[in-house]
C-alpha atoms as a PDB file:
ATOM      1  CA  MET A   1      17.226  14.149 -36.238  1.00  0.00           C
ATOM      2  CA  THR A   2      13.971  14.816 -34.437  1.00  0.00           C
ATOM      3  CA  VAL A   3      12.368  11.758 -32.874  1.00  0.00           C
ATOM      4  CA  GLN A   4       8.716  11.438 -33.769  1.00  0.00           C
ATOM      5  CA  LEU A   5       6.472   8.584 -32.781  1.00  0.00           C
ATOM      6  CA  ALA A   6       4.230   7.584 -35.650  1.00  0.00           C
ATOM      7  CA  ASN A   7       0.489   7.312 -35.159  1.00  0.00           C
ATOM      8  CA  ALA A   8       0.037   4.986 -38.114  1.00  0.00           C
ATOM      9  CA  ARG A   9      -0.952   1.313 -37.835  1.00  0.00           C
ATOM     10  CA  THR A  10      -2.877   1.899 -34.625  1.00  0.00           C
ATOM     11  CA  VAL A  11      -5.679  -0.301 -35.948  1.00  0.00           C
ATOM     12  CA  ARG A  12      -3.253  -3.138 -36.623  1.00  0.00           C
ATOM     13  CA  TYR A  13      -1.960  -3.072 -33.030  1.00  0.00           C
ATOM     14  CA  SER A  14      -5.126  -1.955 -31.245  1.00  0.00           C
ATOM     15  CA  HIS A  15      -6.003  -5.397 -29.804  1.00  0.00           C
ATOM     16  CA  ARG A  16      -2.471  -5.964 -28.517  1.00  0.00           C
ATOM     17  CA  ALA A  17      -2.415  -2.515 -26.944  1.00  0.00           C
ATOM     18  CA  GLN A  18      -5.674  -3.214 -25.120  1.00  0.00           C
ATOM     19  CA  VAL A  19      -4.256  -6.476 -23.731  1.00  0.00           C
ATOM     20  CA  ILE A  20      -1.146  -4.705 -22.445  1.00  0.00           C
ATOM     21  CA  ARG A  21      -3.166  -1.898 -20.878  1.00  0.00           C
ATOM     22  CA  LYS A  22      -5.252  -4.445 -19.000  1.00  0.00           C
ATOM     23  CA  LEU A  23      -2.078  -5.740 -17.368  1.00  0.00           C
ATOM     24  CA  ALA A  24      -1.528  -2.319 -15.846  1.00  0.00           C
ATOM     25  CA  VAL A  25      -4.803  -1.211 -14.352  1.00  0.00           C
ATOM     26  CA  HIS A  26      -7.106  -3.119 -12.027  1.00  0.00           C
ATOM     27  CA  SER A  27      -6.754  -5.997  -9.601  1.00  0.00           C
ATOM     28  CA  PHE A  28      -9.627  -7.236  -7.446  1.00  0.00           C
ATOM     29  CA  SER A  29      -9.104  -8.101  -3.802  1.00  0.00           C
ATOM     30  CA  ARG A  30     -11.736 -10.581  -2.662  1.00  0.00           C
ATOM     31  CA  ALA A  31     -10.772 -10.166   0.952  1.00  0.00           C
ATOM     32  CA  ALA A  32     -11.235  -6.410   0.960  1.00  0.00           C
ATOM     33  CA  GLY A  33     -14.007  -6.384  -1.617  1.00  0.00           C
ATOM     34  CA  VAL A  34     -12.517  -3.368  -3.392  1.00  0.00           C
ATOM     35  CA  CYS A  35     -10.889  -2.670  -6.739  1.00  0.00           C
ATOM     36  CA  LEU A  36      -7.187  -1.836  -6.447  1.00  0.00           C
ATOM     37  CA  ARG A  37      -5.586   0.246  -9.215  1.00  0.00           C
ATOM     38  CA  MET A  38      -1.961  -0.536 -10.007  1.00  0.00           C
ATOM     39  CA  ILE A  39       0.715  -0.874 -12.656  1.00  0.00           C
ATOM     40  CA  ASP A  40       3.236  -3.706 -12.615  1.00  0.00           C
ATOM     41  CA  TYR A  41       6.197  -1.674 -13.834  1.00  0.00           C
ATOM     42  CA  THR A  42       8.685  -4.522 -14.257  1.00  0.00           C
ATOM     43  CA  GLN A  43       6.109  -6.497 -16.232  1.00  0.00           C
ATOM     44  CA  ARG A  44       5.494  -3.540 -18.521  1.00  0.00           C
ATOM     45  CA  LEU A  45       9.234  -3.155 -19.048  1.00  0.00           C
ATOM     46  CA  THR A  46       9.485  -6.853 -19.924  1.00  0.00           C
ATOM     47  CA  LEU A  47       6.689  -6.543 -22.505  1.00  0.00           C
ATOM     48  CA  LEU A  48       8.387  -3.476 -23.974  1.00  0.00           C
ATOM     49  CA  MET A  49      11.678  -5.372 -24.275  1.00  0.00           C
ATOM     50  CA  ARG A  50       9.963  -8.274 -26.011  1.00  0.00           C
ATOM     51  CA  ASP A  51       8.657  -5.808 -28.581  1.00  0.00           C
ATOM     52  CA  ILE A  52      12.052  -4.138 -28.984  1.00  0.00           C
ATOM     53  CA  VAL A  53      13.991  -7.364 -29.632  1.00  0.00           C
ATOM     54  CA  ALA A  54      11.323  -8.378 -32.158  1.00  0.00           C
ATOM     55  CA  ARG A  55      11.793  -5.121 -34.119  1.00  0.00           C
ATOM     56  CA  VAL A  56      15.504  -4.281 -33.791  1.00  0.00           C
ATOM     57  CA  ALA A  57      17.727  -6.649 -35.760  1.00  0.00           C
ATOM     58  CA  MET A  58      20.838  -6.036 -33.642  1.00  0.00           C
ATOM     59  CA  LEU A  59      18.961  -7.304 -30.570  1.00  0.00           C
ATOM     60  CA  SER A  60      17.012 -10.097 -32.251  1.00  0.00           C
ATOM     61  CA  PHE A  61      19.283 -12.797 -30.776  1.00  0.00           C
ATOM     62  CA  ILE A  62      17.923 -12.054 -27.289  1.00  0.00           C
ATOM     63  CA  ASN A  63      15.354 -14.484 -25.932  1.00  0.00           C
ATOM     64  CA  MET A  64      13.516 -12.634 -23.192  1.00  0.00           C
ATOM     65  CA  ASN A  65      12.740 -15.973 -21.547  1.00  0.00           C
ATOM     66  CA  ASP A  66      16.438 -15.971 -20.605  1.00  0.00           C
ATOM     67  CA  VAL A  67      16.162 -12.506 -19.010  1.00  0.00           C
ATOM     68  CA  LEU A  68      14.658 -11.529 -15.663  1.00  0.00           C
ATOM     69  CA  VAL A  69      13.609  -7.919 -15.060  1.00  0.00           C
ATOM     70  CA  PHE A  70      13.372  -6.775 -11.451  1.00  0.00           C
ATOM     71  CA  GLY A  71      13.142  -3.587  -9.420  1.00  0.00           C
ATOM     72  CA  ARG A  72      15.749  -2.110  -7.108  1.00  0.00           C
ATOM     73  CA  SER A  73      15.631   0.738  -4.640  1.00  0.00           C
ATOM     74  CA  GLY A  74      16.714   4.091  -6.054  1.00  0.00           C
ATOM     75  CA  ARG A  75      15.472   7.520  -5.011  1.00  0.00           C
ATOM     76  CA  SER A  76      15.049  10.169  -7.687  1.00  0.00           C
ATOM     77  CA  THR A  77      16.937  12.689  -5.559  1.00  0.00           C
ATOM     78  CA  ALA A  78      19.990  10.445  -5.124  1.00  0.00           C
ATOM     79  CA  GLU A  79      22.853   9.857  -7.536  1.00  0.00           C
ATOM     80  CA  GLY A  80      23.146   6.417  -9.062  1.00  0.00           C
ATOM     81  CA  ALA A  81      22.458   4.230 -12.066  1.00  0.00           C
ATOM     82  CA  PHE A  82      18.996   4.161 -13.608  1.00  0.00           C
ATOM     83  CA  ALA A  83      19.378   0.497 -14.582  1.00  0.00           C
ATOM     84  CA  THR A  84      21.990  -2.265 -14.611  1.00  0.00           C
ATOM     85  CA  CYS A  85      22.662  -5.403 -16.637  1.00  0.00           C
ATOM     86  CA  HIS A  86      23.744  -8.412 -14.550  1.00  0.00           C
ATOM     87  CA  CYS A  87      25.280 -11.432 -16.293  1.00  0.00           C
ATOM     88  CA  LEU A  88      24.673 -14.852 -14.724  1.00  0.00           C
ATOM     89  CA  SER A  89      26.381 -16.881 -17.453  1.00  0.00           C
ATOM     90  CA  LEU A  90      29.955 -15.916 -16.573  1.00  0.00           C
ATOM     91  CA  PRO A  91      32.125 -18.966 -15.826  1.00  0.00           C
ATOM     92  CA  ALA A  92      33.980 -19.340 -12.551  1.00  0.00           C
ATOM     93  CA  SER A  93      37.102 -17.199 -12.235  1.00  0.00           C
ATOM     94  CA  GLU A  94      40.665 -18.444 -12.016  1.00  0.00           C
ATOM     95  CA  PRO A  95      41.731 -19.357  -8.466  1.00  0.00           C
ATOM     96  CA  GLY A  96      42.953 -16.459  -6.358  1.00  0.00           C
ATOM     97  CA  TYR A  97      43.439 -15.253  -2.808  1.00  0.00           C
ATOM     98  CA  TYR A  98      43.493 -12.041  -0.788  1.00  0.00           C
ATOM     99  CA  PHE A  99      46.767 -10.949   0.795  1.00  0.00           C
ATOM    100  CA  TRP A 100      48.127  -8.234   3.094  1.00  0.00           C
ATOM    101  CA  ARG A 101      51.606  -6.676   3.097  1.00  0.00           C
ATOM    102  CA  ASP A 102      53.636  -5.060   5.837  1.00  0.00           C
ATOM    103  CA  ARG A 103      53.771  -1.292   5.243  1.00  0.00           C
ATOM    104  CA  THR A 104      57.455  -1.104   6.056  1.00  0.00           C
ATOM    105  CA  THR A 105      58.958  -4.266   4.573  1.00  0.00           C
ATOM    106  CA  HIS A 106      56.249  -4.817   1.914  1.00  0.00           C
ATOM    107  CA  ARG A 107      56.417  -8.527   2.681  1.00  0.00           C
ATOM    108  CA  VAL A 108      53.237 -10.598   2.649  1.00  0.00           C
ATOM    109  CA  THR A 109      52.255 -11.210   6.265  1.00  0.00           C
ATOM    110  CA  ARG A 110      48.949 -12.988   5.805  1.00  0.00           C
ATOM    111  CA  ARG A 111      46.638 -14.221   3.075  1.00  0.00           C
ATOM    112  CA  SER A 112      43.288 -15.890   2.631  1.00  0.00           C
ATOM    113  CA  GLU A 113      42.670 -19.423   1.468  1.00  0.00           C
ATOM    114  CA  TRP A 114      42.446 -19.995  -2.282  1.00  0.00           C
ATOM    115  CA  PHE A 115      39.016 -19.369  -3.789  1.00  0.00           C
ATOM    116  CA  VAL A 116      37.153 -18.912  -7.059  1.00  0.00           C
ATOM    117  CA  THR A 117      34.435 -16.375  -7.876  1.00  0.00           C
ATOM    118  CA  LYS A 118      31.179 -17.802  -9.207  1.00  0.00           C
ATOM    119  CA  SER A 119      27.862 -16.544 -10.537  1.00  0.00           C
ATOM    120  CA  PRO A 120      24.704 -17.453  -8.634  1.00  0.00           C
ATOM    121  CA  THR A 121      22.138 -19.717 -10.248  1.00  0.00           C
ATOM    122  CA  VAL A 122      18.681 -18.297 -10.928  1.00  0.00           C
ATOM    123  CA  ILE A 123      16.051 -20.739 -12.228  1.00  0.00           C
ATOM    124  CA  ILE A 124      12.531 -19.520 -12.943  1.00  0.00           C
ATOM    125  CA  GLU A 125       9.943 -22.188 -13.698  1.00  0.00           C
ATOM    126  CA  SER A 126      12.676 -24.733 -14.516  1.00  0.00           C
ATOM    127  CA  ARG A 127      14.459 -22.378 -16.964  1.00  0.00           C
ATOM    128  CA  PRO A 128      17.931 -21.023 -16.117  1.00  0.00           C
ATOM    129  CA  ILE A 129      18.179 -17.236 -16.300  1.00  0.00           C
ATOM    130  CA  LYS A 130      21.244 -15.964 -18.159  1.00  0.00           C
ATOM    131  CA  TYR A 131      20.874 -12.213 -17.586  1.00  0.00           C
ATOM    132  CA  MET A 132      19.027  -9.959 -15.166  1.00  0.00           C
ATOM    133  CA  LEU A 133      18.122  -6.328 -15.812  1.00  0.00           C
ATOM    134  CA  SER A 134      17.431  -4.243 -12.729  1.00  0.00           C
ATOM    135  CA  PHE A 135      15.734  -0.841 -12.697  1.00  0.00           C
ATOM    136  CA  ALA A 136      16.083   1.675  -9.876  1.00  0.00           C
ATOM    137  CA  LEU A 137      12.630   2.794  -8.790  1.00  0.00           C
ATOM    138  CA  PRO A 138      11.452   5.510  -8.691  1.00  0.00           C
ATOM    139  CA  ARG A 139      14.704   6.999 -10.121  1.00  0.00           C
ATOM    140  CA  PHE A 140      14.216   5.427 -13.549  1.00  0.00           C
ATOM    141  CA  THR A 141      10.664   6.761 -13.894  1.00  0.00           C
ATOM    142  CA  ASP A 142      11.840  10.356 -13.319  1.00  0.00           C
ATOM    143  CA  GLN A 143      14.657  10.184 -15.856  1.00  0.00           C
ATOM    144  CA  SER A 144      14.693  12.918 -18.512  1.00  0.00           C
ATOM    145  CA  LEU A 145      16.754  13.935 -21.534  1.00  0.00           C
ATOM    146  CA  ASP A 146      17.224  17.439 -20.154  1.00  0.00           C
ATOM    147  CA  ARG A 147      20.910  18.202 -19.518  1.00  0.00           C
ATOM    148  CA  SER A 148      21.872  14.545 -19.933  1.00  0.00           C
ATOM    149  CA  ARG A 149      24.790  13.350 -22.067  1.00  0.00           C
ATOM    150  CA  LYS A 150      22.394  11.430 -24.301  1.00  0.00           C
ATOM    151  CA  GLU A 151      20.393  14.575 -25.139  1.00  0.00           C
ATOM    152  CA  ARG A 152      22.584  15.325 -28.178  1.00  0.00           C
ATOM    153  CA  PHE A 153      21.431  12.112 -29.859  1.00  0.00           C
ATOM    154  CA  TYR A 154      17.745  13.124 -29.721  1.00  0.00           C
ATOM    155  CA  PRO A 155      17.420  16.810 -30.673  1.00  0.00           C
ATOM    156  CA  GLY A 156      13.868  18.043 -30.186  1.00  0.00           C
ATOM    157  CA  ALA A 157      12.672  14.738 -28.679  1.00  0.00           C
ATOM    158  CA  ASP A 158      10.311  14.429 -25.728  1.00  0.00           C
ATOM    159  CA  PRO A 159      12.133  14.077 -22.371  1.00  0.00           C
ATOM    160  CA  TRP A 160      10.813  10.530 -21.748  1.00  0.00           C
ATOM    161  CA  ILE A 161      12.824   9.188 -24.716  1.00  0.00           C
ATOM    162  CA  ALA A 162      15.692   9.016 -22.214  1.00  0.00           C
ATOM    163  CA  LYS A 163      13.935   6.056 -20.583  1.00  0.00           C
ATOM    164  CA  LEU A 164      13.580   4.219 -23.879  1.00  0.00           C
ATOM    165  CA  ASP A 165      17.275   4.860 -24.504  1.00  0.00           C
ATOM    166  CA  THR A 166      18.123   3.324 -21.112  1.00  0.00           C
ATOM    167  CA  VAL A 167      16.056   0.210 -21.848  1.00  0.00           C
ATOM    168  CA  VAL A 168      17.821  -0.324 -25.191  1.00  0.00           C
ATOM    169  CA  HIS A 169      21.151   0.511 -23.527  1.00  0.00           C
ATOM    170  CA  GLU A 170      20.787  -2.334 -21.026  1.00  0.00           C
ATOM    171  CA  LEU A 171      19.619  -4.803 -23.679  1.00  0.00           C
ATOM    172  CA  TYR A 172      22.675  -3.923 -25.763  1.00  0.00           C
ATOM    173  CA  HIS A 173      24.941  -4.993 -22.899  1.00  0.00           C
ATOM    174  CA  ILE A 174      23.800  -8.592 -23.450  1.00  0.00           C
ATOM    175  CA  ASP A 175      26.483 -10.438 -25.370  1.00  0.00           C
ATOM    176  CA  PRO A 176      25.426 -12.354 -28.515  1.00  0.00           C
ATOM    177  CA  ASP A 177      27.377 -15.375 -27.249  1.00  0.00           C
ATOM    178  CA  LEU A 178      25.774 -14.991 -23.788  1.00  0.00           C
ATOM    179  CA  ALA A 179      29.291 -15.071 -22.360  1.00  0.00           C
ATOM    180  CA  GLY A 180      29.266 -11.901 -20.278  1.00  0.00           C
ATOM    181  CA  ILE A 181      28.814  -8.179 -20.847  1.00  0.00           C
ATOM    182  CA  ARG A 182      29.129  -7.238 -24.523  1.00  0.00           C
ATOM    183  CA  ARG A 183      32.541  -5.969 -25.592  1.00  0.00           C
ATOM    184  CA  ILE A 184      32.492  -2.969 -27.912  1.00  0.00           C
ATOM    185  CA  GLU A 185      34.577  -3.200 -31.073  1.00  0.00           C
ATOM    186  CA  ARG A 186      36.677  -0.199 -32.118  1.00  0.00           C
ATOM    187  CA  GLU A 187      36.912   1.021 -35.694  1.00  0.00           C
ATOM    188  CA  ASP A 188      40.283  -0.757 -36.050  1.00  0.00           C
ATOM    189  CA  GLY A 189      38.698  -4.100 -35.134  1.00  0.00           C
ATOM    190  CA  THR A 190      40.104  -4.302 -31.611  1.00  0.00           C
ATOM    191  CA  TYR A 191      37.926  -4.329 -28.518  1.00  0.00           C
ATOM    192  CA  SER A 192      37.611  -1.417 -26.150  1.00  0.00           C
ATOM    193  CA  ALA A 193      38.106  -1.937 -22.430  1.00  0.00           C
ATOM    194  CA  ASN A 194      35.387   0.666 -21.886  1.00  0.00           C
ATOM    195  CA  CYS A 195      31.885  -0.683 -22.491  1.00  0.00           C
ATOM    196  CA  HIS A 196      30.421   2.846 -22.429  1.00  0.00           C
ATOM    197  CA  GLY A 197      32.405   4.607 -25.119  1.00  0.00           C
ATOM    198  CA  HIS A 198      31.038   7.203 -27.541  1.00  0.00           C
ATOM    199  CA  ARG A 199      30.458   4.524 -30.189  1.00  0.00           C
ATOM    200  CA  PHE A 200      28.331   2.555 -27.724  1.00  0.00           C
ATOM    201  CA  PHE A 201      26.020   5.525 -27.101  1.00  0.00           C
ATOM    202  CA  GLU A 202      25.742   6.188 -30.835  1.00  0.00           C
ATOM    203  CA  GLN A 203      24.764   2.584 -31.529  1.00  0.00           C
ATOM    204  CA  VAL A 204      22.157   2.660 -28.765  1.00  0.00           C
ATOM    205  CA  ALA A 205      20.651   5.841 -30.236  1.00  0.00           C
ATOM    206  CA  ASP A 206      20.572   4.242 -33.704  1.00  0.00           C
ATOM    207  CA  MET A 207      18.625   1.284 -32.289  1.00  0.00           C
ATOM    208  CA  VAL A 208      16.197   3.593 -30.499  1.00  0.00           C
ATOM    209  CA  HIS A 209      15.504   5.355 -33.804  1.00  0.00           C
ATOM    210  CA  THR A 210      15.118   1.976 -35.528  1.00  0.00           C
ATOM    211  CA  TYR A 211      12.551   0.906 -32.976  1.00  0.00           C
ATOM    212  CA  ILE A 212      10.589   4.160 -33.174  1.00  0.00           C
ATOM    213  CA  ASN A 213      10.624   4.113 -36.985  1.00  0.00           C
ATOM    214  CA  SER A 214       9.142   0.597 -36.937  1.00  0.00           C
ATOM    215  CA  ARG A 215       5.939   2.225 -35.640  1.00  0.00           C
ATOM    216  CA  PRO A 216       5.288   0.165 -32.511  1.00  0.00           C
ATOM    217  CA  SER A 217       1.909   0.303 -30.832  1.00  0.00           C
ATOM    218  CA  PRO A 218       1.691   3.252 -28.416  1.00  0.00           C
ATOM    219  CA  GLY A 219       0.179   0.866 -25.879  1.00  0.00           C
ATOM    220  CA  VAL A 220       3.552  -0.860 -25.563  1.00  0.00           C
ATOM    221  CA  TYR A 221       5.593   2.177 -24.578  1.00  0.00           C
ATOM    222  CA  ASP A 222       3.141   4.859 -23.424  1.00  0.00           C
ATOM    223  CA  PHE A 223       3.819   4.161 -19.727  1.00  0.00           C
ATOM    224  CA  LEU A 224       7.303   5.627 -20.247  1.00  0.00           C
ATOM    225  CA  ARG A 225       5.751   9.051 -20.811  1.00  0.00           C
ATOM    226  CA  ASP A 226       4.819   9.368 -17.136  1.00  0.00           C
ATOM    227  CA  ASP A 227       7.118  10.300 -14.276  1.00  0.00           C
ATOM    228  CA  PHE A 228       6.529   8.729 -10.874  1.00  0.00           C
ATOM    229  CA  GLU A 229       3.938  11.260  -9.750  1.00  0.00           C
ATOM    230  CA  SER A 230       1.999  10.935 -13.006  1.00  0.00           C
ATOM    231  CA  LEU A 231       2.134   7.130 -12.816  1.00  0.00           C
ATOM    232  CA  GLU A 232       0.579   7.189  -9.329  1.00  0.00           C
ATOM    233  CA  SER A 233      -2.116   9.579 -10.529  1.00  0.00           C
ATOM    234  CA  ARG A 234      -2.851   7.522 -13.642  1.00  0.00           C
ATOM    235  CA  PHE A 235      -2.516   3.950 -12.356  1.00  0.00           C
ATOM    236  CA  GLY A 236      -2.451   4.057  -8.557  1.00  0.00           C
ATOM    237  CA  ASP A 237       0.058   1.720  -6.898  1.00  0.00           C
ATOM    238  CA  ILE A 238       3.364   1.135  -8.688  1.00  0.00           C
ATOM    239  CA  ILE A 239       4.493  -2.420  -8.093  1.00  0.00           C
ATOM    240  CA  GLY A 240       7.327  -4.553  -9.404  1.00  0.00           C
ATOM    241  CA  THR A 241       9.115  -7.876  -9.087  1.00  0.00           C
ATOM    242  CA  THR A 242      11.910  -7.996  -6.513  1.00  0.00           C
ATOM    243  CA  PHE A 243      13.771 -10.672  -4.593  1.00  0.00           C
ATOM    244  CA  ARG A 244      12.713 -11.881  -1.172  1.00  0.00           C
ATOM    245  CA  THR A 245      16.056 -10.602   0.170  1.00  0.00           C
ATOM    246  CA  PHE A 246      15.321  -7.015  -0.969  1.00  0.00           C
ATOM    247  CA  PRO A 247      17.274  -4.767  -1.212  1.00  0.00           C
ATOM    248  CA  SER A 248      19.764  -7.571  -1.836  1.00  0.00           C
ATOM    249  CA  PHE A 249      19.681  -9.613  -5.051  1.00  0.00           C
ATOM    250  CA  PRO A 250      21.743 -12.431  -6.656  1.00  0.00           C
ATOM    251  CA  GLN A 251      25.380 -11.429  -7.040  1.00  0.00           C
ATOM    252  CA  ARG A 252      28.687 -13.161  -7.720  1.00  0.00           C
ATOM    253  CA  TYR A 253      30.240 -14.806  -4.688  1.00  0.00           C
ATOM    254  CA  ILE A 254      33.496 -16.462  -3.641  1.00  0.00           C
ATOM    255  CA  GLU A 255      33.814 -20.191  -2.925  1.00  0.00           C
ATOM    256  CA  ARG A 256      36.732 -21.873  -1.176  1.00  0.00           C
ATOM    257  CA  LEU A 257      38.728 -24.305  -3.297  1.00  0.00           C
ATOM    258  CA  PRO A 258      38.240 -27.846  -1.938  1.00  0.00           C
ATOM    259  CA  GLU A 259      41.916 -28.564  -2.516  1.00  0.00           C
ATOM    260  CA  GLN A 260      44.165 -25.675  -1.518  1.00  0.00           C
ATOM    261  CA  LEU A 261      47.056 -24.816  -3.846  1.00  0.00           C
ATOM    262  CA  PRO A 262      50.667 -24.088  -2.860  1.00  0.00           C
ATOM    263  CA  CYS A 263      51.562 -20.409  -2.736  1.00  0.00           C
ATOM    264  CA  GLU A 264      54.954 -18.933  -3.661  1.00  0.00           C
ATOM    265  CA  SER A 265      54.585 -16.093  -1.158  1.00  0.00           C
ATOM    266  CA  ASP A 266      54.130 -18.448   1.778  1.00  0.00           C
ATOM    267  CA  SER A 267      56.793 -18.597   4.455  1.00  0.00           C
ATOM    268  CA  GLU A 268      56.924 -19.569   8.088  1.00  0.00           C
ATOM    269  CA  ASN A 269      55.595 -16.166   9.144  1.00  0.00           C
ATOM    270  CA  VAL A 270      52.651 -15.941   6.714  1.00  0.00           C
ATOM    271  CA  LEU A 271      49.283 -16.504   8.365  1.00  0.00           C
ATOM    272  CA  VAL A 272      46.646 -18.245   6.237  1.00  0.00           C
ATOM    273  CA  GLU A 273      43.181 -17.114   7.258  1.00  0.00           C
ATOM    274  CA  PRO A 274      40.098 -19.255   6.555  1.00  0.00           C
ATOM    275  CA  LEU A 275      37.452 -17.910   4.207  1.00  0.00           C
ATOM    276  CA  ARG A 276      33.984 -17.181   5.450  1.00  0.00           C
ATOM    277  CA  ALA A 277      31.080 -19.043   3.885  1.00  0.00           C
ATOM    278  CA  PRO A 278      28.930 -17.011   1.419  1.00  0.00           C
ATOM    279  CA  GLN A 279      26.475 -14.823   3.307  1.00  0.00           C
ATOM    280  CA  HIS A 280      23.939 -14.862   0.487  1.00  0.00           C
ATOM    281  CA  ALA A 281      22.121 -17.676  -1.249  1.00  0.00           C
ATOM    282  CA  THR A 282      23.737 -19.150  -4.339  1.00  0.00           C
ATOM    283  CA  LEU A 283      20.540 -20.635  -5.823  1.00  0.00           C
ATOM    284  CA  TYR A 284      17.332 -18.683  -6.480  1.00  0.00           C
ATOM    285  CA  THR A 285      13.983 -19.810  -7.905  1.00  0.00           C
ATOM    286  CA  GLU A 286      10.560 -18.278  -8.469  1.00  0.00           C
ATOM    287  CA  ARG A 287       9.917 -18.843  -4.761  1.00  0.00           C
ATOM    288  CA  ASP A 288      12.488 -16.155  -4.049  1.00  0.00           C
ATOM    289  CA  LEU A 289      10.587 -13.553  -6.105  1.00  0.00           C
ATOM    290  CA  HIS A 290       8.271 -11.128  -4.363  1.00  0.00           C
ATOM    291  CA  THR A 291       6.103  -8.236  -5.468  1.00  0.00           C
ATOM    292  CA  ARG A 292       6.930  -4.868  -3.946  1.00  0.00           C
ATOM    293  CA  HIS A 293       5.009  -1.593  -3.797  1.00  0.00           C
ATOM    294  CA  PHE A 294       7.328   1.304  -4.680  1.00  0.00           C
ATOM    295  CA  LEU A 295       6.710   4.730  -3.183  1.00  0.00           C
ATOM    296  CA  LYS A 296       8.482   8.049  -3.713  1.00  0.00           C
ATOM    297  CA  THR A 297      10.956   7.605  -0.860  1.00  0.00           C
ATOM    298  CA  THR A 298      10.505   4.000   0.258  1.00  0.00           C
ATOM    299  CA  SER A 299       8.939   0.673  -0.659  1.00  0.00           C
ATOM    300  CA  ARG A 300       7.106  -2.144   1.055  1.00  0.00           C
ATOM    301  CA  ARG A 301       6.452  -5.766   0.292  1.00  0.00           C
ATOM    302  CA  ARG A 302       3.043  -6.339  -1.232  1.00  0.00           C
ATOM    303  CA  LEU A 303       1.189  -9.263   0.302  1.00  0.00           C
ATOM    304  CA  ARG A 304      -1.114 -11.362  -1.828  1.00  0.00           C
ATOM    305  CA  ALA A 305      -4.797 -10.965  -1.209  1.00  0.00           C
ATOM    306  CA  ALA A 306      -6.494 -13.877   0.490  1.00  0.00           C
ATOM    307  CA  ALA A 307      -8.586 -16.087  -1.786  1.00  0.00           C
END
């Protein structure tokens, strides 16, 4: 099937498209007295996702107020993921500990204290965030269908459709019960241990086609057409939401159990080593969010203009 974006209903969506375009273009700096051209890429991705979940039934359970989109570092010339889904609603793990064995006797010689693994808490404007979607910039912007494994699902499509596929891909990882990363059901009704099986990619492609066939306003998705160089030429600075600890971001961490449990492997010669306190914050709010200017090979924090 050839993917074609319909030009119909442009009048119906023209006002909305103009509003979205305004979010991307100009910002006035009173201190400098000049007009700065820019596109807030993570904001545009968020608006696109809001439109997708409103049009694709399989994703309609997603409330984008529960999702935070942010940018990560990722060069186009380096290998790595284009985007990642991070679940913050996972419960604490079962208690566990690290241990080390003697290479010769295979006996446990030392272990850590008991601990559990927990998800960090992210609260934006008093609302807990359940999922985060991160996008590697500028790597994501330079993504193309050419010679990719998803190319077979979009014969004859424009190369930038790969980016739309990635956006839907990450949204599809969100579990309907908000209990982790979505598990993919096999044809026999059992669940696959692999969340990226062939069926997963087929379902993502079906949802991409569903979205395109719903005739969304071009103003919602047209920024995906541009690679990084074209974005800079068209909009100027490419900015996005990041965390103050960039390139770090909220991740699961280990916490020592207040009451240590007995251990069957313990003996007189087993050394119990204390756990180190978490090196990263466990609670994040809107105060921990910063805006960053992404360049081709680096990025820098963008300071707010003086009032």
